[in-house]
Amino acid sequence: MGHQIKIQRVERGTTKSYYVNFPAALAEAAQIEKGEALEWLVEDRNAFLLRRVKPKKSILKDRAPLT
């Protein structure tokens, strides 16, 4: 499942920033809390990974991998 977003560019004087709006449905599904630290990892020019700085315990039970 994917959610399409648009990157916003804001210029203030000599500085510029880019903003990403994170869909509320994804944040709620991942139980992301206000102020929680996340970090971007760049896999390549086309793939970015967002992960928690302090991982939360999975709600899924440990199970054997699918074969």
PDB file of N, CA and C in Angstrom:
ATOM      1  N   MET A   1       0.848  -1.160   0.000  1.00  0.00           N
ATOM      2  CA  MET A   1       0.000   0.000   0.000  1.00  0.00           C
ATOM      3  C   MET A   1       0.897   1.228   0.000  1.00  0.00           C
ATOM      4  N   GLY A   2       0.547   2.235  -0.762  1.00  0.00           N
ATOM      5  CA  GLY A   2       1.334   3.444  -0.819  1.00  0.00           C
ATOM      6  C   GLY A   2       0.470   4.675  -0.653  1.00  0.00           C
ATOM      7  N   HIS A   3       1.091   5.748  -0.225  1.00  0.00           N
ATOM      8  CA  HIS A   3       0.425   7.044  -0.095  1.00  0.00           C
ATOM      9  C   HIS A   3       1.250   8.063  -0.857  1.00  0.00           C
ATOM     10  N   GLN A   4       0.643   8.716  -1.819  1.00  0.00           N
ATOM     11  CA  GLN A   4       1.355   9.715  -2.599  1.00  0.00           C
ATOM     12  C   GLN A   4       1.317  11.058  -1.876  1.00  0.00           C
ATOM     13  N   ILE A   5       2.460  11.747  -1.827  1.00  0.00           N
ATOM     14  CA  ILE A   5       2.566  13.046  -1.175  1.00  0.00           C
ATOM     15  C   ILE A   5       3.305  13.995  -2.102  1.00  0.00           C
ATOM     16  N   LYS A   6       3.335  15.267  -1.741  1.00  0.00           N
ATOM     17  CA  LYS A   6       4.121  16.251  -2.475  1.00  0.00           C
ATOM     18  C   LYS A   6       5.092  16.910  -1.506  1.00  0.00           C
ATOM     19  N   ILE A   7       6.287  17.182  -1.983  1.00  0.00           N
ATOM     20  CA  ILE A   7       7.301  17.859  -1.190  1.00  0.00           C
ATOM     21  C   ILE A   7       7.074  19.364  -1.303  1.00  0.00           C
ATOM     22  N   GLN A   8       7.120  20.067  -0.175  1.00  0.00           N
ATOM     23  CA  GLN A   8       6.965  21.514  -0.178  1.00  0.00           C
ATOM     24  C   GLN A   8       8.331  22.165   0.014  1.00  0.00           C
ATOM     25  N   ARG A   9       8.591  23.224  -0.746  1.00  0.00           N
ATOM     26  CA  ARG A   9       9.838  23.971  -0.619  1.00  0.00           C
ATOM     27  C   ARG A   9       9.504  25.352  -0.073  1.00  0.00           C
ATOM     28  N   VAL A  10      10.220  25.754   0.972  1.00  0.00           N
ATOM     29  CA  VAL A  10      10.004  27.052   1.592  1.00  0.00           C
ATOM     30  C   VAL A  10      11.331  27.793   1.606  1.00  0.00           C
ATOM     31  N   GLU A  11      11.332  29.010   1.079  1.00  0.00           N
ATOM     32  CA  GLU A  11      12.533  29.840   1.079  1.00  0.00           C
ATOM     33  C   GLU A  11      12.303  31.039   1.993  1.00  0.00           C
ATOM     34  N   ARG A  12      13.234  31.242   2.934  1.00  0.00           N
ATOM     35  CA  ARG A  12      13.184  32.382   3.846  1.00  0.00           C
ATOM     36  C   ARG A  12      14.545  33.064   3.799  1.00  0.00           C
ATOM     37  N   GLY A  13      14.625  34.167   3.099  1.00  0.00           N
ATOM     38  CA  GLY A  13      15.907  34.848   2.967  1.00  0.00           C
ATOM     39  C   GLY A  13      16.895  33.996   2.209  1.00  0.00           C
ATOM     40  N   THR A  14      18.015  33.681   2.852  1.00  0.00           N
ATOM     41  CA  THR A  14      19.054  32.884   2.200  1.00  0.00           C
ATOM     42  C   THR A  14      18.938  31.396   2.503  1.00  0.00           C
ATOM     43  N   THR A  15      17.956  31.014   3.317  1.00  0.00           N
ATOM     44  CA  THR A  15      17.800  29.598   3.658  1.00  0.00           C
ATOM     45  C   THR A  15      16.585  29.010   2.944  1.00  0.00           C
ATOM     46  N   LYS A  16      16.661  27.733   2.688  1.00  0.00           N
ATOM     47  CA  LYS A  16      15.518  27.031   2.123  1.00  0.00           C
ATOM     48  C   LYS A  16      15.350  25.701   2.837  1.00  0.00           C
ATOM     49  N   SER A  17      14.120  25.280   2.943  1.00  0.00           N
ATOM     50  CA  SER A  17      13.785  24.018   3.595  1.00  0.00           C
ATOM     51  C   SER A  17      12.806  23.255   2.727  1.00  0.00           C
ATOM     52  N   TYR A  18      12.791  21.964   2.898  1.00  0.00           N
ATOM     53  CA  TYR A  18      11.833  21.098   2.215  1.00  0.00           C
ATOM     54  C   TYR A  18      11.022  20.380   3.291  1.00  0.00           C
ATOM     55  N   TYR A  19       9.731  20.310   3.092  1.00  0.00           N
ATOM     56  CA  TYR A  19       8.842  19.698   4.063  1.00  0.00           C
ATOM     57  C   TYR A  19       8.101  18.523   3.444  1.00  0.00           C
ATOM     58  N   VAL A  20       7.924  17.488   4.254  1.00  0.00           N
ATOM     59  CA  VAL A  20       7.165  16.306   3.848  1.00  0.00           C
ATOM     60  C   VAL A  20       5.973  16.189   4.790  1.00  0.00           C
ATOM     61  N   ASN A  21       4.784  16.156   4.230  1.00  0.00           N
ATOM     62  CA  ASN A  21       3.592  15.919   5.051  1.00  0.00           C
ATOM     63  C   ASN A  21       3.381  14.418   5.157  1.00  0.00           C
ATOM     64  N   PHE A  22       3.311  13.954   6.378  1.00  0.00           N
ATOM     65  CA  PHE A  22       3.143  12.530   6.655  1.00  0.00           C
ATOM     66  C   PHE A  22       1.654  12.256   6.819  1.00  0.00           C
ATOM     67  N   PRO A  23       1.070  11.386   6.012  1.00  0.00           N
ATOM     68  CA  PRO A  23      -0.370  11.121   6.114  1.00  0.00           C
ATOM     69  C   PRO A  23      -0.775  10.630   7.509  1.00  0.00           C
ATOM     70  N   ALA A  24      -1.841  11.207   8.040  1.00  0.00           N
ATOM     71  CA  ALA A  24      -2.312  10.854   9.378  1.00  0.00           C
ATOM     72  C   ALA A  24      -2.636   9.368   9.492  1.00  0.00           C
ATOM     73  N   ALA A  25      -3.191   8.774   8.429  1.00  0.00           N
ATOM     74  CA  ALA A  25      -3.540   7.349   8.473  1.00  0.00           C
ATOM     75  C   ALA A  25      -2.301   6.490   8.717  1.00  0.00           C
ATOM     76  N   LEU A  26      -1.178   6.850   8.091  1.00  0.00           N
ATOM     77  CA  LEU A  26       0.062   6.092   8.302  1.00  0.00           C
ATOM     78  C   LEU A  26       0.608   6.305   9.711  1.00  0.00           C
ATOM     79  N   ALA A  27       0.585   7.552  10.160  1.00  0.00           N
ATOM     80  CA  ALA A  27       1.095   7.858  11.502  1.00  0.00           C
ATOM     81  C   ALA A  27       0.288   7.121  12.570  1.00  0.00           C
ATOM     82  N   GLU A  28      -1.008   7.103  12.404  1.00  0.00           N
ATOM     83  CA  GLU A  28      -1.857   6.409  13.373  1.00  0.00           C
ATOM     84  C   GLU A  28      -1.638   4.900  13.313  1.00  0.00           C
ATOM     85  N   ALA A  29      -1.514   4.340  12.118  1.00  0.00           N
ATOM     86  CA  ALA A  29      -1.288   2.901  11.976  1.00  0.00           C
ATOM     87  C   ALA A  29       0.041   2.485  12.593  1.00  0.00           C
ATOM     88  N   ALA A  30       1.047   3.364  12.494  1.00  0.00           N
ATOM     89  CA  ALA A  30       2.369   3.061  13.046  1.00  0.00           C
ATOM     90  C   ALA A  30       2.494   3.513  14.503  1.00  0.00           C
ATOM     91  N   GLN A  31       1.424   4.087  15.048  1.00  0.00           N
ATOM     92  CA  GLN A  31       1.399   4.591  16.420  1.00  0.00           C
ATOM     93  C   GLN A  31       2.543   5.583  16.681  1.00  0.00           C
ATOM     94  N   ILE A  32       2.738   6.494  15.734  1.00  0.00           N
ATOM     95  CA  ILE A  32       3.743   7.536  15.889  1.00  0.00           C
ATOM     96  C   ILE A  32       3.182   8.600  16.816  1.00  0.00           C
ATOM     97  N   GLU A  33       3.990   9.017  17.776  1.00  0.00           N
ATOM     98  CA  GLU A  33       3.551   9.990  18.760  1.00  0.00           C
ATOM     99  C   GLU A  33       4.134  11.365  18.467  1.00  0.00           C
ATOM    100  N   LYS A  34       3.433  12.395  18.894  1.00  0.00           N
ATOM    101  CA  LYS A  34       3.885  13.772  18.729  1.00  0.00           C
ATOM    102  C   LYS A  34       5.262  13.939  19.376  1.00  0.00           C
ATOM    103  N   GLY A  35       6.205  14.511  18.648  1.00  0.00           N
ATOM    104  CA  GLY A  35       7.545  14.754  19.167  1.00  0.00           C
ATOM    105  C   GLY A  35       8.479  13.559  19.081  1.00  0.00           C
ATOM    106  N   GLU A  36       8.003  12.435  18.592  1.00  0.00           N
ATOM    107  CA  GLU A  36       8.836  11.233  18.492  1.00  0.00           C
ATOM    108  C   GLU A  36       9.954  11.440  17.472  1.00  0.00           C
ATOM    109  N   ALA A  37      11.148  10.968  17.784  1.00  0.00           N
ATOM    110  CA  ALA A  37      12.304  11.127  16.896  1.00  0.00           C
ATOM    111  C   ALA A  37      12.309  10.037  15.826  1.00  0.00           C
ATOM    112  N   LEU A  38      12.415  10.477  14.578  1.00  0.00           N
ATOM    113  CA  LEU A  38      12.523   9.586  13.426  1.00  0.00           C
ATOM    114  C   LEU A  38      13.720  10.031  12.609  1.00  0.00           C
ATOM    115  N   GLU A  39      14.263   9.139  11.787  1.00  0.00           N
ATOM    116  CA  GLU A  39      15.386   9.515  10.935  1.00  0.00           C
ATOM    117  C   GLU A  39      15.193   8.962   9.533  1.00  0.00           C
ATOM    118  N   TRP A  40      15.700   9.719   8.555  1.00  0.00           N
ATOM    119  CA  TRP A  40      15.655   9.302   7.159  1.00  0.00           C
ATOM    120  C   TRP A  40      16.937   8.568   6.810  1.00  0.00           C
ATOM    121  N   LEU A  41      16.818   7.467   6.113  1.00  0.00           N
ATOM    122  CA  LEU A  41      17.949   6.743   5.553  1.00  0.00           C
ATOM    123  C   LEU A  41      17.794   6.775   4.040  1.00  0.00           C
ATOM    124  N   VAL A  42      18.866   7.090   3.352  1.00  0.00           N
ATOM    125  CA  VAL A  42      18.828   7.164   1.895  1.00  0.00           C
ATOM    126  C   VAL A  42      19.417   5.874   1.332  1.00  0.00           C
ATOM    127  N   GLU A  43      18.565   5.075   0.712  1.00  0.00           N
ATOM    128  CA  GLU A  43      19.042   3.831   0.103  1.00  0.00           C
ATOM    129  C   GLU A  43      19.655   4.120  -1.260  1.00  0.00           C
ATOM    130  N   ASP A  44      19.013   4.976  -2.027  1.00  0.00           N
ATOM    131  CA  ASP A  44      19.538   5.463  -3.301  1.00  0.00           C
ATOM    132  C   ASP A  44      18.726   6.693  -3.683  1.00  0.00           C
ATOM    133  N   ARG A  45      18.902   7.216  -4.873  1.00  0.00           N
ATOM    134  CA  ARG A  45      18.207   8.438  -5.294  1.00  0.00           C
ATOM    135  C   ARG A  45      16.696   8.299  -5.323  1.00  0.00           C
ATOM    136  N   ASN A  46      16.221   7.077  -5.392  1.00  0.00           N
ATOM    137  CA  ASN A  46      14.790   6.838  -5.529  1.00  0.00           C
ATOM    138  C   ASN A  46      14.123   6.202  -4.316  1.00  0.00           C
ATOM    139  N   ALA A  47      14.894   5.843  -3.316  1.00  0.00           N
ATOM    140  CA  ALA A  47      14.326   5.149  -2.163  1.00  0.00           C
ATOM    141  C   ALA A  47      14.834   5.749  -0.853  1.00  0.00           C
ATOM    142  N   PHE A  48      13.888   6.196  -0.043  1.00  0.00           N
ATOM    143  CA  PHE A  48      14.188   6.751   1.271  1.00  0.00           C
ATOM    144  C   PHE A  48      13.443   5.931   2.309  1.00  0.00           C
ATOM    145  N   LEU A  49      14.080   5.673   3.417  1.00  0.00           N
ATOM    146  CA  LEU A  49      13.488   4.869   4.476  1.00  0.00           C
ATOM    147  C   LEU A  49      13.378   5.730   5.723  1.00  0.00           C
ATOM    148  N   LEU A  50      12.202   5.763   6.316  1.00  0.00           N
ATOM    149  CA  LEU A  50      11.974   6.511   7.546  1.00  0.00           C
ATOM    150  C   LEU A  50      11.880   5.508   8.680  1.00  0.00           C
ATOM    151  N   ARG A  51      12.695   5.693   9.713  1.00  0.00           N
ATOM    152  CA  ARG A  51      12.636   4.751  10.837  1.00  0.00           C
ATOM    153  C   ARG A  51      12.724   5.479  12.165  1.00  0.00           C
ATOM    154  N   ARG A  52      12.234   4.790  13.191  1.00  0.00           N
ATOM    155  CA  ARG A  52      12.275   5.340  14.545  1.00  0.00           C
ATOM    156  C   ARG A  52      13.715   5.326  15.066  1.00  0.00           C
ATOM    157  N   VAL A  53      14.067   6.358  15.830  1.00  0.00           N
ATOM    158  CA  VAL A  53      15.369   6.377  16.480  1.00  0.00           C
ATOM    159  C   VAL A  53      15.373   5.356  17.619  1.00  0.00           C
ATOM    160  N   LYS A  54      14.267   5.299  18.375  1.00  0.00           N
ATOM    161  CA  LYS A  54      14.101   4.296  19.440  1.00  0.00           C
ATOM    162  C   LYS A  54      12.998   3.339  19.004  1.00  0.00           C
ATOM    163  N   PRO A  55      13.374   2.162  18.465  1.00  0.00           N
ATOM    164  CA  PRO A  55      12.359   1.228  17.970  1.00  0.00           C
ATOM    165  C   PRO A  55      11.381   0.799  19.056  1.00  0.00           C
ATOM    166  N   LYS A  56      10.135   0.616  18.661  1.00  0.00           N
ATOM    167  CA  LYS A  56       9.119   0.085  19.572  1.00  0.00           C
ATOM    168  C   LYS A  56       9.021  -1.415  19.360  1.00  0.00           C
ATOM    169  N   LYS A  57       8.570  -2.109  20.381  1.00  0.00           N
ATOM    170  CA  LYS A  57       8.395  -3.542  20.273  1.00  0.00           C
ATOM    171  C   LYS A  57       7.279  -3.846  19.277  1.00  0.00           C
ATOM    172  N   SER A  58       7.481  -4.833  18.443  1.00  0.00           N
ATOM    173  CA  SER A  58       6.496  -5.217  17.440  1.00  0.00           C
ATOM    174  C   SER A  58       5.252  -5.780  18.112  1.00  0.00           C
ATOM    175  N   ILE A  59       4.093  -5.474  17.529  1.00  0.00           N
ATOM    176  CA  ILE A  59       2.845  -6.041  18.052  1.00  0.00           C
ATOM    177  C   ILE A  59       2.566  -7.401  17.433  1.00  0.00           C
ATOM    178  N   LEU A  60       3.357  -7.766  16.413  1.00  0.00           N
ATOM    179  CA  LEU A  60       3.209  -9.075  15.786  1.00  0.00           C
ATOM    180  C   LEU A  60       3.987 -10.111  16.575  1.00  0.00           C
ATOM    181  N   LYS A  61       3.439 -11.293  16.699  1.00  0.00           N
ATOM    182  CA  LYS A  61       4.135 -12.372  17.393  1.00  0.00           C
ATOM    183  C   LYS A  61       5.263 -12.877  16.517  1.00  0.00           C
ATOM    184  N   ASP A  62       6.324 -13.348  17.153  1.00  0.00           N
ATOM    185  CA  ASP A  62       7.405 -13.975  16.390  1.00  0.00           C
ATOM    186  C   ASP A  62       6.838 -15.222  15.712  1.00  0.00           C
ATOM    187  N   ARG A  63       7.132 -15.324  14.447  1.00  0.00           N
ATOM    188  CA  ARG A  63       6.639 -16.489  13.707  1.00  0.00           C
ATOM    189  C   ARG A  63       7.678 -16.918  12.691  1.00  0.00           C
ATOM    190  N   ALA A  64       7.538 -18.133  12.249  1.00  0.00           N
ATOM    191  CA  ALA A  64       8.473 -18.670  11.271  1.00  0.00           C
ATOM    192  C   ALA A  64       8.305 -17.915   9.944  1.00  0.00           C
ATOM    193  N   PRO A  65       9.415 -17.691   9.220  1.00  0.00           N
ATOM    194  CA  PRO A  65       9.306 -17.009   7.932  1.00  0.00           C
ATOM    195  C   PRO A  65       8.472 -17.805   6.943  1.00  0.00           C
ATOM    196  N   LEU A  66       7.798 -17.078   6.052  1.00  0.00           N
ATOM    197  CA  LEU A  66       7.003 -17.745   5.019  1.00  0.00           C
ATOM    198  C   LEU A  66       7.921 -18.389   3.995  1.00  0.00           C
ATOM    199  N   THR A  67       7.562 -19.579   3.548  1.00  0.00           N
ATOM    200  CA  THR A  67       8.370 -20.257   2.534  1.00  0.00           C
ATOM    201  C   THR A  67       7.557 -20.560   1.312  1.00  0.00           C
TER     202      THR A  67
END
